[in-house]
């Protein structure tokens, strides 16, 4: 059972890194693809759709990263309680 928790922990940490990278990428895209053109008074329906998509994507990435973080905490707690 201890090996299973370690494997789950390693996979969760790797997944956490990929989701964190996606979150960082989404924030950069939001800044340079949506906020910069708005600052230069370039607005349009396509820009609003892109902004809405990126906000939804960022929200779901935060949900995913929170869930993965909780799994990591549960695995660490289970591993530490098994050692005592």
C-alpha atoms as a PDB file:
ATOM      1  CA  UNK A   1       0.000   0.000   0.000  1.00  0.00           C
ATOM      2  CA  UNK A   2       2.929   2.297   0.732  1.00  0.00           C
ATOM      3  CA  UNK A   3       4.266   1.868  -2.813  1.00  0.00           C
ATOM      4  CA  UNK A   4       0.868   2.760  -4.247  1.00  0.00           C
ATOM      5  CA  UNK A   5       0.799   6.024  -2.282  1.00  0.00           C
ATOM      6  CA  UNK A   6       4.330   6.867  -3.434  1.00  0.00           C
ATOM      7  CA  UNK A   7       3.434   6.238  -7.072  1.00  0.00           C
ATOM      8  CA  UNK A   8       0.276   8.335  -6.705  1.00  0.00           C
ATOM      9  CA  UNK A   9       2.312  11.072  -5.041  1.00  0.00           C
ATOM     10  CA  UNK A  10       4.907  11.160  -7.832  1.00  0.00           C
ATOM     11  CA  UNK A  11       2.227  11.170 -10.545  1.00  0.00           C
ATOM     12  CA  UNK A  12       0.335  13.924  -8.740  1.00  0.00           C
ATOM     13  CA  UNK A  13       3.447  16.073  -8.458  1.00  0.00           C
ATOM     14  CA  UNK A  14       4.153  15.634 -12.183  1.00  0.00           C
ATOM     15  CA  UNK A  15       0.536  16.472 -13.035  1.00  0.00           C
ATOM     16  CA  UNK A  16       0.700  19.452 -10.666  1.00  0.00           C
ATOM     17  CA  UNK A  17       3.729  20.750 -12.580  1.00  0.00           C
ATOM     18  CA  UNK A  18       1.970  20.392 -15.951  1.00  0.00           C
ATOM     19  CA  UNK A  19      -1.164  22.162 -14.712  1.00  0.00           C
ATOM     20  CA  UNK A  20       0.906  24.913 -13.098  1.00  0.00           C
ATOM     21  CA  UNK A  21       2.741  25.391 -16.415  1.00  0.00           C
ATOM     22  CA  UNK A  22      -0.621  25.580 -18.230  1.00  0.00           C
ATOM     23  CA  UNK A  23      -1.836  28.132 -15.707  1.00  0.00           C
ATOM     24  CA  UNK A  24       1.255  30.273 -16.202  1.00  0.00           C
ATOM     25  CA  UNK A  25       0.887  30.002 -19.971  1.00  0.00           C
ATOM     26  CA  UNK A  26      -2.788  31.022 -19.777  1.00  0.00           C
ATOM     27  CA  UNK A  27      -1.939  34.094 -17.679  1.00  0.00           C
ATOM     28  CA  UNK A  28       0.765  35.134 -20.158  1.00  0.00           C
ATOM     29  CA  UNK A  29      -1.649  34.623 -23.066  1.00  0.00           C
ATOM     30  CA  UNK A  30      -4.274  36.690 -21.281  1.00  0.00           C
ATOM     31  CA  UNK A  31      -1.799  39.505 -20.725  1.00  0.00           C
ATOM     32  CA  UNK A  32      -0.291  39.703 -24.190  1.00  0.00           C
ATOM     33  CA  UNK A  33      -3.181  38.559 -26.393  1.00  0.00           C
ATOM     34  CA  UNK A  34      -6.076  40.296 -24.632  1.00  0.00           C
ATOM     35  CA  UNK A  35      -4.957  43.039 -22.246  1.00  0.00           C
ATOM     36  CA  UNK A  36      -2.327  44.628 -24.502  1.00  0.00           C
ATOM     37  CA  UNK A  37      -4.656  45.108 -27.507  1.00  0.00           C
ATOM     38  CA  UNK A  38      -7.303  46.538 -25.162  1.00  0.00           C
ATOM     39  CA  UNK A  39      -4.746  49.042 -23.875  1.00  0.00           C
ATOM     40  CA  UNK A  40      -4.137  50.128 -27.478  1.00  0.00           C
ATOM     41  CA  UNK A  41      -7.914  50.600 -27.986  1.00  0.00           C
ATOM     42  CA  UNK A  42      -8.255  47.572 -30.219  1.00  0.00           C
ATOM     43  CA  UNK A  43     -11.502  45.922 -29.273  1.00  0.00           C
ATOM     44  CA  UNK A  44     -13.681  43.469 -31.053  1.00  0.00           C
ATOM     45  CA  UNK A  45     -15.918  40.480 -30.653  1.00  0.00           C
ATOM     46  CA  UNK A  46     -13.062  38.065 -31.325  1.00  0.00           C
ATOM     47  CA  UNK A  47     -11.015  39.660 -28.554  1.00  0.00           C
ATOM     48  CA  UNK A  48     -13.917  39.381 -26.112  1.00  0.00           C
ATOM     49  CA  UNK A  49     -14.440  35.719 -27.001  1.00  0.00           C
ATOM     50  CA  UNK A  50     -10.728  35.036 -26.477  1.00  0.00           C
ATOM     51  CA  UNK A  51     -10.820  36.819 -23.112  1.00  0.00           C
ATOM     52  CA  UNK A  52     -13.868  34.842 -22.000  1.00  0.00           C
ATOM     53  CA  UNK A  53     -12.241  31.571 -23.078  1.00  0.00           C
ATOM     54  CA  UNK A  54      -9.015  32.359 -21.233  1.00  0.00           C
ATOM     55  CA  UNK A  55     -10.873  33.329 -18.049  1.00  0.00           C
ATOM     56  CA  UNK A  56     -12.814  30.047 -18.122  1.00  0.00           C
ATOM     57  CA  UNK A  57      -9.627  28.098 -18.833  1.00  0.00           C
ATOM     58  CA  UNK A  58      -7.825  29.780 -15.928  1.00  0.00           C
ATOM     59  CA  UNK A  59     -10.747  29.017 -13.605  1.00  0.00           C
ATOM     60  CA  UNK A  60     -10.698  25.318 -14.489  1.00  0.00           C
ATOM     61  CA  UNK A  61      -6.926  25.184 -14.145  1.00  0.00           C
ATOM     62  CA  UNK A  62      -7.235  26.610 -10.626  1.00  0.00           C
ATOM     63  CA  UNK A  63      -9.866  23.983  -9.804  1.00  0.00           C
ATOM     64  CA  UNK A  64      -7.579  21.268 -11.157  1.00  0.00           C
ATOM     65  CA  UNK A  65      -4.520  22.514  -9.331  1.00  0.00           C
ATOM     66  CA  UNK A  66      -6.484  22.711  -6.068  1.00  0.00           C
ATOM     67  CA  UNK A  67      -7.707  19.141  -6.496  1.00  0.00           C
ATOM     68  CA  UNK A  68      -4.214  17.848  -7.264  1.00  0.00           C
ATOM     69  CA  UNK A  69      -2.794  19.737  -4.276  1.00  0.00           C
ATOM     70  CA  UNK A  70      -5.364  18.071  -2.010  1.00  0.00           C
ATOM     71  CA  UNK A  71      -4.395  14.637  -3.376  1.00  0.00           C
ATOM     72  CA  UNK A  72      -0.728  15.406  -2.691  1.00  0.00           C
ATOM     73  CA  UNK A  73      -1.529  16.403   0.890  1.00  0.00           C
ATOM     74  CA  UNK A  74      -3.603  13.249   1.434  1.00  0.00           C
ATOM     75  CA  UNK A  75      -0.802  11.044   0.073  1.00  0.00           C
ATOM     76  CA  UNK A  76       1.828  12.729   2.233  1.00  0.00           C
ATOM     77  CA  UNK A  77      -0.365  12.372   5.306  1.00  0.00           C
ATOM     78  CA  UNK A  78      -1.018   8.713   4.535  1.00  0.00           C
ATOM     79  CA  UNK A  79       2.686   8.022   4.023  1.00  0.00           C
ATOM     80  CA  UNK A  80       3.639   9.774   7.247  1.00  0.00           C
ATOM     81  CA  UNK A  81       0.968   8.028   9.306  1.00  0.00           C
ATOM     82  CA  UNK A  82       2.060   4.624   7.984  1.00  0.00           C
ATOM     83  CA  UNK A  83       5.669   5.216   9.098  1.00  0.00           C
ATOM     84  CA  UNK A  84       4.790   5.923  12.744  1.00  0.00           C
END
